[in-house]
């Protein structure tokens, strides 16, 4: 049973795309976490617990990723 060259190329491109998506998600998370912390400071929640900031950022990043995945290409 031989594996064709096209399947190997497809698998490698799928692997590279997955790694890029994971890296982009981490970058989005870091940016959103910074924005959430700055916004909380501006509004007056100076003592915002870190776990609530991380929870807010993770929910926002999840919404960004899901909405971009579901967005219809025009």
Protein backbone atom coordinates (compact mmCIF):
# COMPACT_ATOMS: atom_id res chain seq x y z
CA UNK A 1 0.00 0.00 0.00
CA UNK A 2 1.69 3.16 -1.17
CA UNK A 3 0.84 6.68 -0.18
CA UNK A 4 0.64 9.11 -3.04
CA UNK A 5 2.65 12.29 -3.18
CA UNK A 6 -0.52 14.39 -3.29
CA UNK A 7 -1.74 12.94 0.01
CA UNK A 8 1.58 13.68 1.68
CA UNK A 9 1.53 17.25 0.38
CA UNK A 10 -2.07 17.65 1.56
CA UNK A 11 -1.18 16.33 5.02
CA UNK A 12 1.84 18.64 5.31
CA UNK A 13 -0.18 21.67 4.22
CA UNK A 14 -2.93 20.73 6.69
CA UNK A 15 -0.35 20.41 9.46
CA UNK A 16 1.19 23.79 8.63
CA UNK A 17 -2.24 25.44 8.51
CA UNK A 18 -3.12 23.98 11.91
CA UNK A 19 0.08 25.27 13.47
CA UNK A 20 -0.50 28.72 11.98
CA UNK A 21 -4.06 28.79 13.33
CA UNK A 22 -2.84 27.82 16.81
CA UNK A 23 -0.17 30.55 16.77
CA UNK A 24 -2.70 33.14 15.56
CA UNK A 25 -5.08 32.10 18.34
CA UNK A 26 -2.39 32.64 20.95
CA UNK A 27 -1.58 36.06 19.51
CA UNK A 28 -5.28 37.01 19.42
CA UNK A 29 -5.64 35.86 23.02
CA UNK A 30 -2.70 37.96 24.20
CA UNK A 31 -3.97 41.06 22.41
CA UNK A 32 -7.53 40.63 23.70
CA UNK A 33 -6.27 40.02 27.23
CA UNK A 34 -4.31 43.27 27.13
CA UNK A 35 -7.37 45.12 25.79
CA UNK A 36 -9.61 43.64 28.51
CA UNK A 37 -7.16 44.61 31.26
CA UNK A 38 -6.78 48.17 29.90
CA UNK A 39 -10.54 48.57 29.49
CA UNK A 40 -11.14 47.32 33.03
CA UNK A 41 -8.63 49.86 34.35
CA UNK A 42 -10.26 52.67 32.37
CA UNK A 43 -13.74 51.82 33.62
CA UNK A 44 -12.61 51.69 37.23
CA UNK A 45 -12.07 48.01 37.98
CA UNK A 46 -8.46 48.40 39.04
CA UNK A 47 -8.55 45.26 41.16
CA UNK A 48 -9.87 42.97 38.41
CA UNK A 49 -8.93 39.39 39.24
CA UNK A 50 -6.64 37.79 36.68
CA UNK A 51 -8.92 34.78 36.29
CA UNK A 52 -11.83 36.99 35.24
CA UNK A 53 -9.62 38.79 32.73
CA UNK A 54 -8.49 35.48 31.25
CA UNK A 55 -12.08 34.21 31.17
CA UNK A 56 -13.28 37.34 29.37
CA UNK A 57 -10.42 37.19 26.87
CA UNK A 58 -10.96 33.50 26.15
CA UNK A 59 -14.68 34.02 25.51
CA UNK A 60 -13.94 36.93 23.18
CA UNK A 61 -11.27 34.99 21.27
CA UNK A 62 -13.62 32.03 20.94
CA UNK A 63 -16.28 34.33 19.52
CA UNK A 64 -13.75 35.82 17.08
CA UNK A 65 -12.62 32.41 15.87
CA UNK A 66 -16.12 30.98 15.53
CA UNK A 67 -17.45 34.05 13.73
CA UNK A 68 -14.52 34.07 11.31
CA UNK A 69 -15.00 30.37 10.62
CA UNK A 70 -18.73 30.79 10.00
CA UNK A 71 -18.41 33.96 7.96
CA UNK A 72 -19.51 33.42 4.38
CA UNK A 73 -16.92 34.32 1.81
CA UNK A 74 -18.26 36.74 -0.77
